[in-house]
Amino acid sequence: MTQTDIFADTIAEMTWYEVDQAAKDGAVLLWAFGVIEQHGPHLPTGTDVYIPQARLREVKRELAQRGVKALIVPPYYWGVNVVSGAFPASYKVRPEIIRELMADVFASLKGDGFQRVFCFSGHGDALHNRTIHEGVKLGVERTGMDISFVMDAALAQRLGIPLDDAQITLPAGAQAEGLKFFQVNTSSPSSPGDGEAPPRYVDVHAGRWESSMMLASCASLVRDDVRRTLKSTDLGPDDLAVWRKGFEHARRTTPLGYFGDPAAASAEEGERTLQSAAATAADAIVARIRDKQ
């Protein structure tokens, strides 16, 4: 599963003949939106690009098993960066630029004959995700395509998006699942499993959760000798609220750039997380396609 090439298994590796035929065959498109930002002393700045690409390769595989042909669009990675904005190597683009770029790309995809695009986020910043949603809406307005943002109820509620919004794709039982799906689709606090008590500490950025998925998908990029020495930040929901204010607030809360327990990560956990997220996303995509027919 290890793959560090973000173009792997995307349209960028196909000929135009192959892309043209896929559009004629009714293939759907998968597009991830990440960001280049610091991820502590042990993970690369492209973590929010590598993880969603690994996820989309799994989603594509799951969709194929369900009889749905999908292509992966090369990732977008110049995103909105508020939380890590005060750290080096954390780059920021104005939301209006992202929205217009998205709309232009959607128009090109429409010109190729594609009709459906499913967008994913690899980055937890609220403004980043609002911008993706707004870009999706703009794309729909200009192209008439069926474009949606794959998320769950927890993210929608955090962003103030109604759960019946036409431009979001929710997994089955999204309202009941709460943070569980969100946890494996964008940067998020860990959520308790069935029958488990809520965790005392939050693992939200470059901690156990993201480090596990990087170990599973891009192990060669993890500074594992450093990761094993890092202590858990032991920060809770109140600290998270301060951290999410961004810039100097985040850097003061997490001076080393991580929020969680990276030393507890494992490749096995990362593989389970990626596969579970992919299956859930594929089910949600298939349900939307069925409902739109």
Protein backbone atom coordinates (compact mmCIF):
# COMPACT_ATOMS: atom_id res chain seq x y z
CA MET A 1 0.00 0.00 0.00
CA THR A 2 3.00 2.32 0.46
CA GLN A 3 2.93 5.03 -2.22
CA THR A 4 4.59 8.44 -2.15
CA ASP A 5 3.70 9.51 -5.70
CA ILE A 6 0.61 11.75 -5.47
CA PHE A 7 0.00 11.27 -9.21
CA ALA A 8 -0.18 7.48 -8.79
CA ASP A 9 -3.40 6.02 -10.20
CA THR A 10 -4.71 9.46 -11.23
CA ILE A 11 -5.71 10.99 -14.55
CA ALA A 12 -2.14 12.33 -14.79
CA GLU A 13 -0.92 8.80 -15.57
CA MET A 14 -3.54 8.17 -18.28
CA THR A 15 -3.56 9.08 -21.96
CA TRP A 16 -6.25 11.41 -23.25
CA TYR A 17 -7.72 8.48 -25.19
CA GLU A 18 -8.19 6.59 -21.93
CA VAL A 19 -9.69 9.60 -20.13
CA ASP A 20 -12.04 10.26 -23.05
CA GLN A 21 -13.25 6.66 -23.03
CA ALA A 22 -13.76 6.70 -19.25
CA ALA A 23 -15.97 9.78 -19.57
CA LYS A 24 -17.99 8.05 -22.30
CA ASP A 25 -18.31 5.03 -20.01
CA GLY A 26 -19.85 7.21 -17.29
CA ALA A 27 -16.95 7.19 -14.83
CA VAL A 28 -17.26 9.35 -11.72
CA LEU A 29 -14.41 11.54 -10.52
CA LEU A 30 -12.76 11.70 -7.08
CA TRP A 31 -10.89 14.88 -6.13
CA ALA A 32 -9.03 15.57 -2.86
CA PHE A 33 -8.25 19.01 -1.41
CA GLY A 34 -5.32 19.21 0.96
CA VAL A 35 -2.75 21.75 2.00
CA ILE A 36 0.99 22.01 2.55
CA GLU A 37 1.51 22.66 6.25
CA GLN A 38 3.70 21.69 9.17
CA HIS A 39 2.94 18.35 10.79
CA GLY A 40 5.29 18.30 13.75
CA PRO A 41 8.91 17.16 13.76
CA HIS A 42 8.11 13.69 12.38
CA LEU A 43 5.67 14.00 9.45
CA PRO A 44 6.21 15.73 6.09
CA THR A 45 4.47 18.99 5.20
CA GLY A 46 2.53 17.13 2.50
CA THR A 47 0.75 14.85 4.99
CA ASP A 48 -2.66 16.37 4.18
CA VAL A 49 -2.05 15.51 0.53
CA TYR A 50 -0.56 12.03 0.91
CA ILE A 51 -3.28 10.72 3.22
CA PRO A 52 -6.32 11.70 1.12
CA GLN A 53 -4.62 10.34 -2.01
CA ALA A 54 -4.12 7.01 -0.24
CA ARG A 55 -7.76 7.16 0.80
CA LEU A 56 -8.98 7.86 -2.73
CA ARG A 57 -7.02 4.93 -4.13
CA GLU A 58 -8.89 2.77 -1.64
CA VAL A 59 -12.21 4.43 -2.50
CA LYS A 60 -11.59 3.76 -6.19
CA ARG A 61 -10.93 0.11 -5.41
CA GLU A 62 -14.06 -0.15 -3.27
CA LEU A 63 -16.17 1.48 -5.98
CA ALA A 64 -14.86 -0.96 -8.59
CA GLN A 65 -16.03 -3.81 -6.37
CA ARG A 66 -19.47 -2.17 -6.36
CA GLY A 67 -19.53 -1.87 -10.15
CA VAL A 68 -18.75 1.86 -10.29
CA LYS A 69 -15.88 3.08 -12.47
CA ALA A 70 -13.99 6.02 -10.93
CA LEU A 71 -11.02 8.15 -11.87
CA ILE A 72 -8.90 10.17 -9.44
CA VAL A 73 -8.17 13.80 -10.24
CA PRO A 74 -4.64 14.92 -9.25
CA PRO A 75 -4.86 16.52 -5.79
CA TYR A 76 -5.27 20.20 -5.04
CA TYR A 77 -2.79 21.24 -2.34
CA TRP A 78 -2.53 25.04 -2.12
CA GLY A 79 -5.28 25.41 0.47
CA VAL A 80 -6.49 27.66 3.26
CA ASN A 81 -4.27 27.48 6.34
CA VAL A 82 -5.40 29.22 9.51
CA VAL A 83 -4.42 26.89 12.35
CA SER A 84 -0.80 26.31 11.33
CA GLY A 85 -0.48 29.77 9.78
CA ALA A 86 2.22 30.92 12.21
CA PHE A 87 4.52 27.95 11.48
CA PRO A 88 7.07 27.80 8.67
CA ALA A 89 6.17 25.70 5.60
CA SER A 90 2.44 26.28 6.15
CA TYR A 91 1.18 28.02 3.05
CA LYS A 92 -1.99 30.02 2.53
CA VAL A 93 -4.17 30.84 -0.50
CA ARG A 94 -7.10 33.23 -0.56
CA PRO A 95 -10.47 31.42 -0.57
CA GLU A 96 -11.68 33.34 -3.62
CA ILE A 97 -8.72 32.06 -5.65
CA ILE A 98 -9.49 28.46 -4.67
CA ARG A 99 -13.18 28.81 -5.51
CA GLU A 100 -12.45 30.20 -8.97
CA LEU A 101 -9.80 27.56 -9.68
CA MET A 102 -12.23 24.83 -8.67
CA ALA A 103 -14.92 26.25 -10.94
CA ASP A 104 -12.51 26.41 -13.88
CA VAL A 105 -11.40 22.80 -13.40
CA PHE A 106 -15.00 21.63 -13.06
CA ALA A 107 -15.77 23.37 -16.36
CA SER A 108 -12.88 21.53 -18.03
CA LEU A 109 -14.07 18.21 -16.62
CA LYS A 110 -17.56 18.97 -17.89
CA GLY A 111 -16.08 19.66 -21.31
CA ASP A 112 -14.58 16.17 -21.29
CA GLY A 113 -18.04 14.72 -20.73
CA PHE A 114 -17.86 13.89 -17.01
CA GLN A 115 -21.05 14.40 -15.04
CA ARG A 116 -20.22 13.57 -11.39
CA VAL A 117 -17.41 14.72 -9.11
CA PHE A 118 -17.00 13.70 -5.48
CA CYS A 119 -14.73 16.01 -3.46
CA PHE A 120 -12.85 15.09 -0.30
CA SER A 121 -10.88 17.12 2.23
CA GLY A 122 -7.55 16.13 3.71
CA HIS A 123 -7.29 19.19 5.96
CA GLY A 124 -9.34 20.14 9.02
CA ASP A 125 -9.30 23.95 8.92
CA ALA A 126 -12.90 25.18 9.04
CA LEU A 127 -12.30 27.93 6.47
CA HIS A 128 -10.58 25.45 4.14
CA ASN A 129 -13.62 23.18 4.23
CA ARG A 130 -16.12 26.03 3.85
CA THR A 131 -14.14 27.13 0.80
CA ILE A 132 -14.35 23.64 -0.73
CA HIS A 133 -18.11 23.64 -0.18
CA GLU A 134 -18.43 27.08 -1.74
CA GLY A 135 -16.27 26.00 -4.69
CA VAL A 136 -18.49 22.98 -5.20
CA LYS A 137 -21.59 25.18 -5.23
CA LEU A 138 -19.97 27.56 -7.70
CA GLY A 139 -19.04 24.63 -9.92
CA VAL A 140 -22.63 23.35 -9.91
CA GLU A 141 -23.97 26.80 -10.76
CA ARG A 142 -21.62 27.18 -13.73
CA THR A 143 -21.65 23.64 -15.13
CA GLY A 144 -24.84 21.93 -14.01
CA MET A 145 -22.78 18.87 -13.01
CA ASP A 146 -23.56 16.72 -9.99
CA ILE A 147 -20.70 17.83 -7.73
CA SER A 148 -20.67 17.13 -4.01
CA PHE A 149 -18.43 17.27 -0.96
CA VAL A 150 -18.18 13.92 0.84
CA MET A 151 -18.43 14.59 4.57
CA ASP A 152 -20.46 13.59 7.59
CA ALA A 153 -22.88 15.23 9.97
CA ALA A 154 -20.17 16.34 12.42
CA LEU A 155 -18.28 18.34 9.82
CA ALA A 156 -21.46 19.75 8.29
CA GLN A 157 -22.66 20.91 11.69
CA ARG A 158 -19.28 22.42 12.52
CA LEU A 159 -19.39 24.39 9.26
CA GLY A 160 -23.04 25.39 9.64
CA ILE A 161 -24.13 23.43 6.55
CA PRO A 162 -27.66 21.94 6.66
CA LEU A 163 -27.64 18.15 6.52
CA ASP A 164 -30.01 18.24 3.56
CA ASP A 165 -27.70 20.48 1.52
CA ALA A 166 -27.73 19.26 -2.08
CA GLN A 167 -23.97 19.67 -2.47
CA ILE A 168 -22.86 17.32 0.30
CA THR A 169 -22.76 13.54 0.26
CA LEU A 170 -23.37 12.01 3.67
CA PRO A 171 -22.77 8.36 4.62
CA ALA A 172 -25.72 6.22 5.66
CA GLY A 173 -26.62 6.92 9.27
CA ALA A 174 -24.45 10.04 9.26
CA GLN A 175 -26.38 11.77 12.01
CA ALA A 176 -26.04 8.79 14.33
CA GLU A 177 -22.40 8.16 13.48
CA GLY A 178 -21.32 11.62 14.58
CA LEU A 179 -17.56 12.05 14.67
CA LYS A 180 -16.70 8.49 13.74
CA PHE A 181 -16.74 9.07 9.96
CA PHE A 182 -15.37 12.60 10.28
CA GLN A 183 -12.41 11.27 12.22
CA VAL A 184 -11.11 9.37 9.20
CA ASN A 185 -11.98 11.91 6.51
CA THR A 186 -10.52 15.18 7.78
CA SER A 187 -8.31 16.28 10.66
CA SER A 188 -10.49 15.79 13.69
CA PRO A 189 -10.48 14.82 17.33
CA SER A 190 -10.62 11.09 17.90
CA SER A 191 -14.08 9.82 18.72
CA PRO A 192 -15.04 6.99 21.04
CA GLY A 193 -16.14 3.66 19.61
CA ASP A 194 -19.36 1.91 20.49
CA GLY A 195 -19.69 1.61 24.24
CA GLU A 196 -16.51 3.55 24.89
CA ALA A 197 -16.22 6.61 27.11
CA PRO A 198 -15.19 9.86 25.42
CA PRO A 199 -11.41 10.23 25.41
CA ARG A 200 -9.91 12.55 27.99
CA TYR A 201 -7.39 13.91 25.51
CA VAL A 202 -7.81 14.94 21.90
CA ASP A 203 -5.76 13.58 19.00
CA VAL A 204 -6.26 15.99 16.12
CA HIS A 205 -3.06 16.87 14.23
CA ALA A 206 0.06 14.81 13.52
CA GLY A 207 -0.80 12.57 16.46
CA ARG A 208 -1.62 8.86 16.65
CA TRP A 209 -4.38 9.11 14.05
CA GLU A 210 -2.52 10.85 11.22
CA SER A 211 0.80 9.22 12.04
CA SER A 212 -0.85 5.79 11.76
CA MET A 213 -2.20 6.55 8.29
CA MET A 214 1.17 7.89 7.17
CA LEU A 215 2.90 4.74 8.46
CA ALA A 216 0.40 2.70 6.45
CA SER A 217 0.58 4.72 3.23
CA CYS A 218 3.95 6.56 3.13
CA ALA A 219 6.15 4.99 5.79
CA SER A 220 9.37 6.12 4.11
CA LEU A 221 8.41 9.77 4.72
CA VAL A 222 7.84 9.35 8.47
CA ARG A 223 10.80 10.31 10.69
CA ASP A 224 10.10 7.27 12.83
CA ASP A 225 13.10 7.65 15.09
CA VAL A 226 11.74 11.07 16.05
CA ARG A 227 8.10 9.94 16.24
CA ARG A 228 8.89 7.27 18.83
CA THR A 229 10.39 9.85 21.20
CA LEU A 230 7.48 12.32 21.16
CA LYS A 231 5.35 12.63 24.28
CA SER A 232 1.58 12.86 24.15
CA THR A 233 0.40 16.46 24.32
CA ASP A 234 -2.41 15.49 26.72
CA LEU A 235 -4.61 18.39 25.59
CA GLY A 236 -8.38 18.42 25.86
CA PRO A 237 -11.40 20.05 24.20
CA ASP A 238 -10.75 23.46 25.79
CA ASP A 239 -7.21 23.44 24.40
CA LEU A 240 -8.61 22.42 21.02
CA ALA A 241 -10.90 25.45 20.99
CA VAL A 242 -7.92 27.75 21.56
CA TRP A 243 -5.79 25.88 19.01
CA ARG A 244 -8.45 26.25 16.34
CA LYS A 245 -8.23 30.03 16.61
CA GLY A 246 -5.05 29.55 14.66
CA PHE A 247 -1.79 31.39 14.05
CA GLU A 248 -0.14 32.43 17.33
CA HIS A 249 -2.83 30.66 19.41
CA ALA A 250 -2.05 27.32 17.76
CA ARG A 251 1.70 27.78 17.93
CA ARG A 252 1.51 28.65 21.62
CA THR A 253 -0.76 25.64 22.33
CA THR A 254 1.37 23.18 20.34
CA PRO A 255 4.90 24.64 20.04
CA LEU A 256 6.24 21.43 18.48
CA GLY A 257 3.46 21.42 15.88
CA TYR A 258 1.56 18.26 16.86
CA PHE A 259 -1.62 17.71 18.87
CA GLY A 260 -2.01 14.14 20.10
CA ASP A 261 0.10 11.04 20.70
CA PRO A 262 2.21 10.15 17.65
CA ALA A 263 4.29 7.59 19.54
CA ALA A 264 1.16 5.41 19.90
CA ALA A 265 0.69 5.17 16.12
CA SER A 266 0.93 1.95 14.12
CA ALA A 267 0.74 1.00 10.46
CA GLU A 268 -1.90 -1.62 11.30
CA GLU A 269 -4.20 1.01 12.78
CA GLY A 270 -3.60 3.23 9.78
CA GLU A 271 -4.53 0.48 7.32
CA ARG A 272 -7.75 -0.27 9.21
CA THR A 273 -8.64 3.42 9.30
CA LEU A 274 -8.04 3.99 5.59
CA GLN A 275 -9.94 0.88 4.56
CA SER A 276 -12.89 1.63 6.83
CA ALA A 277 -13.10 5.22 5.59
CA ALA A 278 -12.91 4.09 1.97
CA ALA A 279 -15.71 1.55 2.36
CA THR A 280 -17.94 4.12 4.09
CA ALA A 281 -17.25 6.72 1.41
CA ALA A 282 -17.87 4.24 -1.41
CA ASP A 283 -21.22 3.27 0.09
CA ALA A 284 -22.20 6.95 0.32
CA ILE A 285 -21.18 7.58 -3.30
CA VAL A 286 -23.11 4.57 -4.57
CA ALA A 287 -26.18 5.71 -2.63
CA ARG A 288 -26.01 9.21 -4.17
CA ILE A 289 -25.62 7.79 -7.67
CA ARG A 290 -28.62 5.53 -7.12
CA ASP A 291 -30.73 8.37 -5.72
CA LYS A 292 -29.87 10.63 -8.68
CA GLN A 293 -30.83 8.09 -11.34
